[in-house]
Amino acid sequence: MQASHSVTLHNIPASAEDLIRHQIDRLNQEHSWISHCQVTAKVPAPFTTGMYQIHIDCQIPDGSVVIDRQPLTDFYQEDLQVAIWSAFEQARQKIKSHVIHSANFSRKFQHA
């Protein structure tokens, strides 16, 4: 299934949308059953680069996986590409964990 997706940027260059869409496509290739992925990327105020907040909400068949990545407090000049990659890496790990947990949970009921 091809996931629908939406990207919202606040005080971030429009070029970031291509980076985000690439990561969404990659995530959809790995987990084809994601039905919708909504991403919001922002910085708190204009001209405050390096303080990237990235919110990812992926709808999956039995719920949703939400990542709310806040900027690093000790490294305020973070690269936008690294921030996007890091947020999607967290999403991959959380989806993987969710799938494993769901499989183990359903196996318990099958054998009960």
PDB file of N, CA and C in Angstrom:
ATOM      1  N   MET A   1       0.848  -1.173   0.000  1.00  0.00           N
ATOM      2  CA  MET A   1       0.000   0.000   0.000  1.00  0.00           C
ATOM      3  C   MET A   1       0.892   1.233   0.000  1.00  0.00           C
ATOM      4  N   GLN A   2       0.582   2.198  -0.826  1.00  0.00           N
ATOM      5  CA  GLN A   2       1.347   3.435  -0.855  1.00  0.00           C
ATOM      6  C   GLN A   2       0.798   4.362   0.225  1.00  0.00           C
ATOM      7  N   ALA A   3       1.641   4.788   1.113  1.00  0.00           N
ATOM      8  CA  ALA A   3       1.214   5.661   2.203  1.00  0.00           C
ATOM      9  C   ALA A   3       0.949   7.061   1.683  1.00  0.00           C
ATOM     10  N   SER A   4      -0.124   7.652   2.173  1.00  0.00           N
ATOM     11  CA  SER A   4      -0.316   9.074   1.920  1.00  0.00           C
ATOM     12  C   SER A   4       0.531   9.799   2.958  1.00  0.00           C
ATOM     13  N   HIS A   5       0.979  10.956   2.613  1.00  0.00           N
ATOM     14  CA  HIS A   5       1.797  11.676   3.581  1.00  0.00           C
ATOM     15  C   HIS A   5       1.606  13.172   3.421  1.00  0.00           C
ATOM     16  N   SER A   6       1.871  13.861   4.511  1.00  0.00           N
ATOM     17  CA  SER A   6       1.821  15.313   4.487  1.00  0.00           C
ATOM     18  C   SER A   6       3.034  15.836   5.246  1.00  0.00           C
ATOM     19  N   VAL A   7       3.559  16.937   4.752  1.00  0.00           N
ATOM     20  CA  VAL A   7       4.742  17.553   5.348  1.00  0.00           C
ATOM     21  C   VAL A   7       4.422  19.020   5.607  1.00  0.00           C
ATOM     22  N   THR A   8       4.681  19.453   6.832  1.00  0.00           N
ATOM     23  CA  THR A   8       4.475  20.845   7.204  1.00  0.00           C
ATOM     24  C   THR A   8       5.798  21.388   7.738  1.00  0.00           C
ATOM     25  N   LEU A   9       6.211  22.540   7.218  1.00  0.00           N
ATOM     26  CA  LEU A   9       7.460  23.166   7.641  1.00  0.00           C
ATOM     27  C   LEU A   9       7.171  24.538   8.238  1.00  0.00           C
ATOM     28  N   HIS A  10       7.803  24.838   9.370  1.00  0.00           N
ATOM     29  CA  HIS A  10       7.689  26.147  10.011  1.00  0.00           C
ATOM     30  C   HIS A  10       9.093  26.699  10.232  1.00  0.00           C
ATOM     31  N   ASN A  11       9.404  27.812   9.594  1.00  0.00           N
ATOM     32  CA  ASN A  11      10.709  28.476   9.729  1.00  0.00           C
ATOM     33  C   ASN A  11      11.874  27.587   9.291  1.00  0.00           C
ATOM     34  N   ILE A  12      11.608  26.685   8.362  1.00  0.00           N
ATOM     35  CA  ILE A  12      12.623  25.770   7.847  1.00  0.00           C
ATOM     36  C   ILE A  12      12.637  25.910   6.328  1.00  0.00           C
ATOM     37  N   PRO A  13      13.806  25.852   5.705  1.00  0.00           N
ATOM     38  CA  PRO A  13      13.878  25.984   4.248  1.00  0.00           C
ATOM     39  C   PRO A  13      13.040  24.923   3.529  1.00  0.00           C
ATOM     40  N   ALA A  14      12.445  25.316   2.421  1.00  0.00           N
ATOM     41  CA  ALA A  14      11.588  24.402   1.651  1.00  0.00           C
ATOM     42  C   ALA A  14      12.364  23.192   1.143  1.00  0.00           C
ATOM     43  N   SER A  15      13.662  23.308   1.010  1.00  0.00           N
ATOM     44  CA  SER A  15      14.475  22.176   0.541  1.00  0.00           C
ATOM     45  C   SER A  15      14.399  20.989   1.500  1.00  0.00           C
ATOM     46  N   ALA A  16      14.042  21.234   2.747  1.00  0.00           N
ATOM     47  CA  ALA A  16      13.921  20.149   3.731  1.00  0.00           C
ATOM     48  C   ALA A  16      12.790  19.203   3.372  1.00  0.00           C
ATOM     49  N   GLU A  17      11.809  19.690   2.623  1.00  0.00           N
ATOM     50  CA  GLU A  17      10.682  18.831   2.260  1.00  0.00           C
ATOM     51  C   GLU A  17      11.150  17.642   1.428  1.00  0.00           C
ATOM     52  N   ASP A  18      12.108  17.851   0.527  1.00  0.00           N
ATOM     53  CA  ASP A  18      12.634  16.738  -0.273  1.00  0.00           C
ATOM     54  C   ASP A  18      13.316  15.701   0.606  1.00  0.00           C
ATOM     55  N   LEU A  19      14.077  16.155   1.608  1.00  0.00           N
ATOM     56  CA  LEU A  19      14.737  15.231   2.539  1.00  0.00           C
ATOM     57  C   LEU A  19      13.698  14.414   3.311  1.00  0.00           C
ATOM     58  N   ILE A  20      12.647  15.084   3.751  1.00  0.00           N
ATOM     59  CA  ILE A  20      11.608  14.413   4.525  1.00  0.00           C
ATOM     60  C   ILE A  20      10.844  13.420   3.659  1.00  0.00           C
ATOM     61  N   ARG A  21      10.488  13.825   2.457  1.00  0.00           N
ATOM     62  CA  ARG A  21       9.753  12.920   1.558  1.00  0.00           C
ATOM     63  C   ARG A  21      10.592  11.687   1.203  1.00  0.00           C
ATOM     64  N   HIS A  22      11.899  11.877   1.051  1.00  0.00           N
ATOM     65  CA  HIS A  22      12.785  10.739   0.802  1.00  0.00           C
ATOM     66  C   HIS A  22      12.746   9.762   1.977  1.00  0.00           C
ATOM     67  N   GLN A  23      12.774  10.286   3.199  1.00  0.00           N
ATOM     68  CA  GLN A  23      12.731   9.427   4.387  1.00  0.00           C
ATOM     69  C   GLN A  23      11.369   8.745   4.523  1.00  0.00           C
ATOM     70  N   ILE A  24      10.297   9.437   4.164  1.00  0.00           N
ATOM     71  CA  ILE A  24       8.965   8.821   4.202  1.00  0.00           C
ATOM     72  C   ILE A  24       8.907   7.667   3.207  1.00  0.00           C
ATOM     73  N   ASP A  25       9.427   7.892   1.998  1.00  0.00           N
ATOM     74  CA  ASP A  25       9.436   6.830   0.987  1.00  0.00           C
ATOM     75  C   ASP A  25      10.236   5.627   1.464  1.00  0.00           C
ATOM     76  N   ARG A  26      11.370   5.885   2.082  1.00  0.00           N
ATOM     77  CA  ARG A  26      12.208   4.807   2.613  1.00  0.00           C
ATOM     78  C   ARG A  26      11.472   4.026   3.699  1.00  0.00           C
ATOM     79  N   LEU A  27      10.813   4.751   4.579  1.00  0.00           N
ATOM     80  CA  LEU A  27      10.051   4.122   5.655  1.00  0.00           C
ATOM     81  C   LEU A  27       8.911   3.277   5.081  1.00  0.00           C
ATOM     82  N   ASN A  28       8.257   3.792   4.049  1.00  0.00           N
ATOM     83  CA  ASN A  28       7.161   3.058   3.420  1.00  0.00           C
ATOM     84  C   ASN A  28       7.663   1.806   2.699  1.00  0.00           C
ATOM     85  N   GLN A  29       8.864   1.842   2.159  1.00  0.00           N
ATOM     86  CA  GLN A  29       9.439   0.654   1.527  1.00  0.00           C
ATOM     87  C   GLN A  29       9.705  -0.435   2.558  1.00  0.00           C
ATOM     88  N   GLU A  30      10.148  -0.029   3.742  1.00  0.00           N
ATOM     89  CA  GLU A  30      10.456  -0.982   4.802  1.00  0.00           C
ATOM     90  C   GLU A  30       9.183  -1.527   5.457  1.00  0.00           C
ATOM     91  N   HIS A  31       8.162  -0.695   5.548  1.00  0.00           N
ATOM     92  CA  HIS A  31       6.910  -1.059   6.226  1.00  0.00           C
ATOM     93  C   HIS A  31       5.759  -0.634   5.323  1.00  0.00           C
ATOM     94  N   SER A  32       5.424  -1.478   4.371  1.00  0.00           N
ATOM     95  CA  SER A  32       4.449  -1.109   3.344  1.00  0.00           C
ATOM     96  C   SER A  32       3.022  -0.959   3.876  1.00  0.00           C
ATOM     97  N   TRP A  33       2.759  -1.379   5.080  1.00  0.00           N
ATOM     98  CA  TRP A  33       1.412  -1.298   5.631  1.00  0.00           C
ATOM     99  C   TRP A  33       1.147   0.006   6.370  1.00  0.00           C
ATOM    100  N   ILE A  34       2.083   0.959   6.332  1.00  0.00           N
ATOM    101  CA  ILE A  34       1.831   2.284   6.907  1.00  0.00           C
ATOM    102  C   ILE A  34       0.810   2.981   6.010  1.00  0.00           C
ATOM    103  N   SER A  35      -0.298   3.421   6.588  1.00  0.00           N
ATOM    104  CA  SER A  35      -1.354   4.015   5.769  1.00  0.00           C
ATOM    105  C   SER A  35      -1.224   5.520   5.622  1.00  0.00           C
ATOM    106  N   HIS A  36      -0.633   6.193   6.593  1.00  0.00           N
ATOM    107  CA  HIS A  36      -0.488   7.651   6.515  1.00  0.00           C
ATOM    108  C   HIS A  36       0.701   8.067   7.369  1.00  0.00           C
ATOM    109  N   CYS A  37       1.434   9.037   6.897  1.00  0.00           N
ATOM    110  CA  CYS A  37       2.563   9.567   7.659  1.00  0.00           C
ATOM    111  C   CYS A  37       2.507  11.091   7.579  1.00  0.00           C
ATOM    112  N   GLN A  38       2.408  11.717   8.735  1.00  0.00           N
ATOM    113  CA  GLN A  38       2.356  13.170   8.807  1.00  0.00           C
ATOM    114  C   GLN A  38       3.603  13.653   9.532  1.00  0.00           C
ATOM    115  N   VAL A  39       4.320  14.597   8.918  1.00  0.00           N
ATOM    116  CA  VAL A  39       5.562  15.100   9.489  1.00  0.00           C
ATOM    117  C   VAL A  39       5.483  16.616   9.613  1.00  0.00           C
ATOM    118  N   THR A  40       5.857  17.108  10.781  1.00  0.00           N
ATOM    119  CA  THR A  40       5.961  18.544  11.005  1.00  0.00           C
ATOM    120  C   THR A  40       7.382  18.822  11.470  1.00  0.00           C
ATOM    121  N   ALA A  41       8.038  19.742  10.783  1.00  0.00           N
ATOM    122  CA  ALA A  41       9.404  20.139  11.161  1.00  0.00           C
ATOM    123  C   ALA A  41       9.402  21.641  11.393  1.00  0.00           C
ATOM    124  N   LYS A  42      10.026  22.056  12.493  1.00  0.00           N
ATOM    125  CA  LYS A  42      10.030  23.491  12.794  1.00  0.00           C
ATOM    126  C   LYS A  42      11.202  23.871  13.672  1.00  0.00           C
ATOM    127  N   VAL A  43      11.457  25.153  13.692  1.00  0.00           N
ATOM    128  CA  VAL A  43      12.346  25.749  14.679  1.00  0.00           C
ATOM    129  C   VAL A  43      11.488  26.743  15.455  1.00  0.00           C
ATOM    130  N   PRO A  44      11.789  26.981  16.723  1.00  0.00           N
ATOM    131  CA  PRO A  44      10.913  27.809  17.550  1.00  0.00           C
ATOM    132  C   PRO A  44      10.694  29.227  17.023  1.00  0.00           C
ATOM    133  N   ALA A  45      11.715  29.806  16.421  1.00  0.00           N
ATOM    134  CA  ALA A  45      11.599  31.181  15.921  1.00  0.00           C
ATOM    135  C   ALA A  45      12.451  31.318  14.665  1.00  0.00           C
ATOM    136  N   PRO A  46      12.092  32.263  13.804  1.00  0.00           N
ATOM    137  CA  PRO A  46      12.909  32.449  12.602  1.00  0.00           C
ATOM    138  C   PRO A  46      14.364  32.752  12.958  1.00  0.00           C
ATOM    139  N   PHE A  47      15.245  32.293  12.125  1.00  0.00           N
ATOM    140  CA  PHE A  47      16.684  32.551  12.242  1.00  0.00           C
ATOM    141  C   PHE A  47      17.342  31.879  13.439  1.00  0.00           C
ATOM    142  N   THR A  48      16.702  30.869  14.014  1.00  0.00           N
ATOM    143  CA  THR A  48      17.334  30.102  15.086  1.00  0.00           C
ATOM    144  C   THR A  48      17.683  28.725  14.537  1.00  0.00           C
ATOM    145  N   THR A  49      18.634  28.673  13.663  1.00  0.00           N
ATOM    146  CA  THR A  49      18.996  27.405  13.037  1.00  0.00           C
ATOM    147  C   THR A  49      19.586  26.459  14.069  1.00  0.00           C
ATOM    148  N   GLY A  50      19.435  25.196  13.810  1.00  0.00           N
ATOM    149  CA  GLY A  50      20.010  24.179  14.667  1.00  0.00           C
ATOM    150  C   GLY A  50      19.113  23.723  15.799  1.00  0.00           C
ATOM    151  N   MET A  51      17.953  24.330  15.956  1.00  0.00           N
ATOM    152  CA  MET A  51      17.030  23.951  17.030  1.00  0.00           C
ATOM    153  C   MET A  51      15.811  23.267  16.425  1.00  0.00           C
ATOM    154  N   TYR A  52      16.047  22.181  15.699  1.00  0.00           N
ATOM    155  CA  TYR A  52      14.991  21.545  14.909  1.00  0.00           C
ATOM    156  C   TYR A  52      14.116  20.621  15.750  1.00  0.00           C
ATOM    157  N   GLN A  53      12.823  20.852  15.682  1.00  0.00           N
ATOM    158  CA  GLN A  53      11.834  19.982  16.310  1.00  0.00           C
ATOM    159  C   GLN A  53      11.143  19.215  15.185  1.00  0.00           C
ATOM    160  N   ILE A  54      11.118  17.900  15.289  1.00  0.00           N
ATOM    161  CA  ILE A  54      10.526  17.082  14.242  1.00  0.00           C
ATOM    162  C   ILE A  54       9.493  16.161  14.885  1.00  0.00           C
ATOM    163  N   HIS A  55       8.282  16.235  14.362  1.00  0.00           N
ATOM    164  CA  HIS A  55       7.173  15.423  14.859  1.00  0.00           C
ATOM    165  C   HIS A  55       6.731  14.510  13.723  1.00  0.00           C
ATOM    166  N   ILE A  56       6.708  13.207  13.974  1.00  0.00           N
ATOM    167  CA  ILE A  56       6.292  12.220  12.981  1.00  0.00           C
ATOM    168  C   ILE A  56       5.134  11.415  13.571  1.00  0.00           C
ATOM    169  N   ASP A  57       4.068  11.309  12.800  1.00  0.00           N
ATOM    170  CA  ASP A  57       2.909  10.509  13.213  1.00  0.00           C
ATOM    171  C   ASP A  57       2.593   9.547  12.076  1.00  0.00           C
ATOM    172  N   CYS A  58       2.860   8.259  12.302  1.00  0.00           N
ATOM    173  CA  CYS A  58       2.610   7.221  11.296  1.00  0.00           C
ATOM    174  C   CYS A  58       1.421   6.376  11.727  1.00  0.00           C
ATOM    175  N   GLN A  59       0.445   6.267  10.851  1.00  0.00           N
ATOM    176  CA  GLN A  59      -0.722   5.425  11.110  1.00  0.00           C
ATOM    177  C   GLN A  59      -0.437   4.020  10.591  1.00  0.00           C
ATOM    178  N   ILE A  60      -0.585   3.051  11.472  1.00  0.00           N
ATOM    179  CA  ILE A  60      -0.377   1.653  11.105  1.00  0.00           C
ATOM    180  C   ILE A  60      -1.674   0.902  11.408  1.00  0.00           C
ATOM    181  N   PRO A  61      -1.842  -0.310  10.897  1.00  0.00           N
ATOM    182  CA  PRO A  61      -3.132  -1.003  11.031  1.00  0.00           C
ATOM    183  C   PRO A  61      -3.695  -1.088  12.451  1.00  0.00           C
ATOM    184  N   ASP A  62      -2.860  -1.261  13.453  1.00  0.00           N
ATOM    185  CA  ASP A  62      -3.397  -1.415  14.803  1.00  0.00           C
ATOM    186  C   ASP A  62      -3.074  -0.232  15.720  1.00  0.00           C
ATOM    187  N   GLY A  63      -2.938   0.948  15.159  1.00  0.00           N
ATOM    188  CA  GLY A  63      -2.681   2.129  15.983  1.00  0.00           C
ATOM    189  C   GLY A  63      -1.824   3.143  15.262  1.00  0.00           C
ATOM    190  N   SER A  64      -1.025   3.847  16.038  1.00  0.00           N
ATOM    191  CA  SER A  64      -0.129   4.827  15.442  1.00  0.00           C
ATOM    192  C   SER A  64       1.188   4.840  16.204  1.00  0.00           C
ATOM    193  N   VAL A  65       2.204   5.296  15.515  1.00  0.00           N
ATOM    194  CA  VAL A  65       3.531   5.465  16.109  1.00  0.00           C
ATOM    195  C   VAL A  65       3.865   6.942  16.002  1.00  0.00           C
ATOM    196  N   VAL A  66       4.175   7.550  17.141  1.00  0.00           N
ATOM    197  CA  VAL A  66       4.434   8.982  17.180  1.00  0.00           C
ATOM    198  C   VAL A  66       5.840   9.223  17.703  1.00  0.00           C
ATOM    199  N   ILE A  67       6.568  10.050  16.977  1.00  0.00           N
ATOM    200  CA  ILE A  67       7.904  10.485  17.396  1.00  0.00           C
ATOM    201  C   ILE A  67       7.849  11.990  17.552  1.00  0.00           C
ATOM    202  N   ASP A  68       8.292  12.480  18.681  1.00  0.00           N
ATOM    203  CA  ASP A  68       8.338  13.921  18.926  1.00  0.00           C
ATOM    204  C   ASP A  68       9.777  14.261  19.297  1.00  0.00           C
ATOM    205  N   ARG A  69      10.590  14.479  18.282  1.00  0.00           N
ATOM    206  CA  ARG A  69      12.021  14.698  18.490  1.00  0.00           C
ATOM    207  C   ARG A  69      12.286  16.171  18.786  1.00  0.00           C
ATOM    208  N   GLN A  70      12.841  16.409  19.951  1.00  0.00           N
ATOM    209  CA  GLN A  70      13.174  17.765  20.368  1.00  0.00           C
ATOM    210  C   GLN A  70      14.642  18.059  20.034  1.00  0.00           C
ATOM    211  N   PRO A  71      14.996  19.336  19.927  1.00  0.00           N
ATOM    212  CA  PRO A  71      16.387  19.665  19.617  1.00  0.00           C
ATOM    213  C   PRO A  71      17.324  19.243  20.739  1.00  0.00           C
ATOM    214  N   LEU A  72      18.546  18.960  20.355  1.00  0.00           N
ATOM    215  CA  LEU A  72      19.552  18.611  21.344  1.00  0.00           C
ATOM    216  C   LEU A  72      19.900  19.853  22.147  1.00  0.00           C
ATOM    217  N   THR A  73      19.898  19.736  23.467  1.00  0.00           N
ATOM    218  CA  THR A  73      20.135  20.910  24.301  1.00  0.00           C
ATOM    219  C   THR A  73      21.607  21.282  24.380  1.00  0.00           C
ATOM    220  N   ASP A  74      22.487  20.306  24.240  1.00  0.00           N
ATOM    221  CA  ASP A  74      23.910  20.608  24.389  1.00  0.00           C
ATOM    222  C   ASP A  74      24.611  20.851  23.057  1.00  0.00           C
ATOM    223  N   PHE A  75      23.883  20.787  21.959  1.00  0.00           N
ATOM    224  CA  PHE A  75      24.502  20.997  20.655  1.00  0.00           C
ATOM    225  C   PHE A  75      23.511  21.749  19.782  1.00  0.00           C
ATOM    226  N   TYR A  76      23.455  23.059  19.955  1.00  0.00           N
ATOM    227  CA  TYR A  76      22.405  23.829  19.323  1.00  0.00           C
ATOM    228  C   TYR A  76      22.600  24.049  17.826  1.00  0.00           C
ATOM    229  N   GLN A  77      23.749  23.772  17.281  1.00  0.00           N
ATOM    230  CA  GLN A  77      23.973  23.970  15.850  1.00  0.00           C
ATOM    231  C   GLN A  77      23.910  22.649  15.097  1.00  0.00           C
ATOM    232  N   GLU A  78      22.870  21.887  15.315  1.00  0.00           N
ATOM    233  CA  GLU A  78      22.698  20.601  14.663  1.00  0.00           C
ATOM    234  C   GLU A  78      22.334  20.806  13.187  1.00  0.00           C
ATOM    235  N   ASP A  79      22.785  19.910  12.356  1.00  0.00           N
ATOM    236  CA  ASP A  79      22.496  19.940  10.936  1.00  0.00           C
ATOM    237  C   ASP A  79      21.061  19.475  10.693  1.00  0.00           C
ATOM    238  N   LEU A  80      20.340  20.143   9.800  1.00  0.00           N
ATOM    239  CA  LEU A  80      18.946  19.789   9.514  1.00  0.00           C
ATOM    240  C   LEU A  80      18.832  18.370   8.969  1.00  0.00           C
ATOM    241  N   GLN A  81      19.718  17.990   8.082  1.00  0.00           N
ATOM    242  CA  GLN A  81      19.675  16.647   7.507  1.00  0.00           C
ATOM    243  C   GLN A  81      19.863  15.587   8.593  1.00  0.00           C
ATOM    244  N   VAL A  82      20.749  15.834   9.536  1.00  0.00           N
ATOM    245  CA  VAL A  82      20.981  14.897  10.638  1.00  0.00           C
ATOM    246  C   VAL A  82      19.748  14.823  11.540  1.00  0.00           C
ATOM    247  N   ALA A  83      19.118  15.954  11.793  1.00  0.00           N
ATOM    248  CA  ALA A  83      17.920  15.972  12.631  1.00  0.00           C
ATOM    249  C   ALA A  83      16.792  15.164  11.995  1.00  0.00           C
ATOM    250  N   ILE A  84      16.611  15.316  10.689  1.00  0.00           N
ATOM    251  CA  ILE A  84      15.569  14.565   9.976  1.00  0.00           C
ATOM    252  C   ILE A  84      15.889  13.079   9.994  1.00  0.00           C
ATOM    253  N   TRP A  85      17.122  12.729   9.674  1.00  0.00           N
ATOM    254  CA  TRP A  85      17.531  11.321   9.672  1.00  0.00           C
ATOM    255  C   TRP A  85      17.324  10.710  11.053  1.00  0.00           C
ATOM    256  N   SER A  86      17.728  11.428  12.090  1.00  0.00           N
ATOM    257  CA  SER A  86      17.623  10.930  13.460  1.00  0.00           C
ATOM    258  C   SER A  86      16.163  10.680  13.850  1.00  0.00           C
ATOM    259  N   ALA A  87      15.275  11.595  13.492  1.00  0.00           N
ATOM    260  CA  ALA A  87      13.860  11.429  13.814  1.00  0.00           C
ATOM    261  C   ALA A  87      13.277  10.206  13.110  1.00  0.00           C
ATOM    262  N   PHE A  88      13.632  10.007  11.845  1.00  0.00           N
ATOM    263  CA  PHE A  88      13.108   8.851  11.123  1.00  0.00           C
ATOM    264  C   PHE A  88      13.758   7.554  11.609  1.00  0.00           C
ATOM    265  N   GLU A  89      14.983   7.615  12.071  1.00  0.00           N
ATOM    266  CA  GLU A  89      15.607   6.427  12.644  1.00  0.00           C
ATOM    267  C   GLU A  89      14.868   6.035  13.927  1.00  0.00           C
ATOM    268  N   GLN A  90      14.488   7.020  14.730  1.00  0.00           N
ATOM    269  CA  GLN A  90      13.684   6.742  15.925  1.00  0.00           C
ATOM    270  C   GLN A  90      12.346   6.123  15.538  1.00  0.00           C
ATOM    271  N   ALA A  91      11.738   6.635  14.462  1.00  0.00           N
ATOM    272  CA  ALA A  91      10.460   6.085  13.996  1.00  0.00           C
ATOM    273  C   ALA A  91      10.629   4.629  13.562  1.00  0.00           C
ATOM    274  N   ARG A  92      11.707   4.328  12.833  1.00  0.00           N
ATOM    275  CA  ARG A  92      11.963   2.947  12.404  1.00  0.00           C
ATOM    276  C   ARG A  92      12.080   2.012  13.601  1.00  0.00           C
ATOM    277  N   GLN A  93      12.839   2.436  14.597  1.00  0.00           N
ATOM    278  CA  GLN A  93      13.028   1.608  15.787  1.00  0.00           C
ATOM    279  C   GLN A  93      11.720   1.418  16.552  1.00  0.00           C
ATOM    280  N   LYS A  94      10.932   2.480  16.648  1.00  0.00           N
ATOM    281  CA  LYS A  94       9.674   2.383  17.386  1.00  0.00           C
ATOM    282  C   LYS A  94       8.673   1.490  16.642  1.00  0.00           C
ATOM    283  N   ILE A  95       8.632   1.589  15.319  1.00  0.00           N
ATOM    284  CA  ILE A  95       7.747   0.722  14.533  1.00  0.00           C
ATOM    285  C   ILE A  95       8.188  -0.723  14.671  1.00  0.00           C
ATOM    286  N   LYS A  96       9.484  -0.957  14.580  1.00  0.00           N
ATOM    287  CA  LYS A  96      10.019  -2.314  14.725  1.00  0.00           C
ATOM    288  C   LYS A  96       9.652  -2.886  16.095  1.00  0.00           C
ATOM    289  N   SER A  97       9.821  -2.099  17.132  1.00  0.00           N
ATOM    290  CA  SER A  97       9.483  -2.526  18.484  1.00  0.00           C
ATOM    291  C   SER A  97       7.981  -2.800  18.599  1.00  0.00           C
ATOM    292  N   HIS A  98       7.178  -1.952  17.995  1.00  0.00           N
ATOM    293  CA  HIS A  98       5.728  -2.124  18.028  1.00  0.00           C
ATOM    294  C   HIS A  98       5.323  -3.422  17.336  1.00  0.00           C
ATOM    295  N   VAL A  99       5.933  -3.711  16.198  1.00  0.00           N
ATOM    296  CA  VAL A  99       5.624  -4.932  15.452  1.00  0.00           C
ATOM    297  C   VAL A  99       6.009  -6.165  16.265  1.00  0.00           C
ATOM    298  N   ILE A 100       7.188  -6.132  16.871  1.00  0.00           N
ATOM    299  CA  ILE A 100       7.641  -7.269  17.678  1.00  0.00           C
ATOM    300  C   ILE A 100       6.724  -7.460  18.876  1.00  0.00           C
ATOM    301  N   HIS A 101       6.380  -6.371  19.540  1.00  0.00           N
ATOM    302  CA  HIS A 101       5.496  -6.452  20.702  1.00  0.00           C
ATOM    303  C   HIS A 101       4.124  -6.994  20.301  1.00  0.00           C
ATOM    304  N   SER A 102       3.590  -6.507  19.185  1.00  0.00           N
ATOM    305  CA  SER A 102       2.279  -6.972  18.711  1.00  0.00           C
ATOM    306  C   SER A 102       2.313  -8.455  18.361  1.00  0.00           C
ATOM    307  N   ALA A 103       3.387  -8.900  17.732  1.00  0.00           N
ATOM    308  CA  ALA A 103       3.510 -10.311  17.365  1.00  0.00           C
ATOM    309  C   ALA A 103       3.586 -11.183  18.614  1.00  0.00           C
ATOM    310  N   ASN A 104       4.371 -10.773  19.596  1.00  0.00           N
ATOM    311  CA  ASN A 104       4.474 -11.536  20.846  1.00  0.00           C
ATOM    312  C   ASN A 104       3.149 -11.550  21.587  1.00  0.00           C
ATOM    313  N   PHE A 105       2.449 -10.443  21.591  1.00  0.00           N
ATOM    314  CA  PHE A 105       1.160 -10.348  22.269  1.00  0.00           C
ATOM    315  C   PHE A 105       0.138 -11.266  21.613  1.00  0.00           C
ATOM    316  N   SER A 106       0.081 -11.271  20.293  1.00  0.00           N
ATOM    317  CA  SER A 106      -0.906 -12.120  19.614  1.00  0.00           C
ATOM    318  C   SER A 106      -0.540 -13.594  19.753  1.00  0.00           C
ATOM    319  N   ARG A 107       0.752 -13.914  19.821  1.00  0.00           N
ATOM    320  CA  ARG A 107       1.163 -15.316  20.005  1.00  0.00           C
ATOM    321  C   ARG A 107       0.712 -15.839  21.370  1.00  0.00           C
ATOM    322  N   LYS A 108       0.719 -15.004  22.388  1.00  0.00           N
ATOM    323  CA  LYS A 108       0.287 -15.434  23.708  1.00  0.00           C
ATOM    324  C   LYS A 108      -1.179 -15.873  23.668  1.00  0.00           C
ATOM    325  N   PHE A 109      -2.004 -15.151  22.949  1.00  0.00           N
ATOM    326  CA  PHE A 109      -3.422 -15.480  22.882  1.00  0.00           C
ATOM    327  C   PHE A 109      -3.696 -16.672  21.981  1.00  0.00           C
ATOM    328  N   GLN A 110      -2.841 -16.910  20.996  1.00  0.00           N
ATOM    329  CA  GLN A 110      -3.017 -18.065  20.129  1.00  0.00           C
ATOM    330  C   GLN A 110      -2.737 -19.367  20.883  1.00  0.00           C
ATOM    331  N   HIS A 111      -1.802 -19.305  21.831  1.00  0.00           N
ATOM    332  CA  HIS A 111      -1.419 -20.516  22.569  1.00  0.00           C
ATOM    333  C   HIS A 111      -2.173 -20.675  23.884  1.00  0.00           C
ATOM    334  N   ALA A 112      -3.000 -19.724  24.234  1.00  0.00           N
ATOM    335  CA  ALA A 112      -3.725 -19.810  25.508  1.00  0.00           C
ATOM    336  C   ALA A 112      -4.935 -20.709  25.419  1.00  0.00           C
TER     337      ALA A 112
END
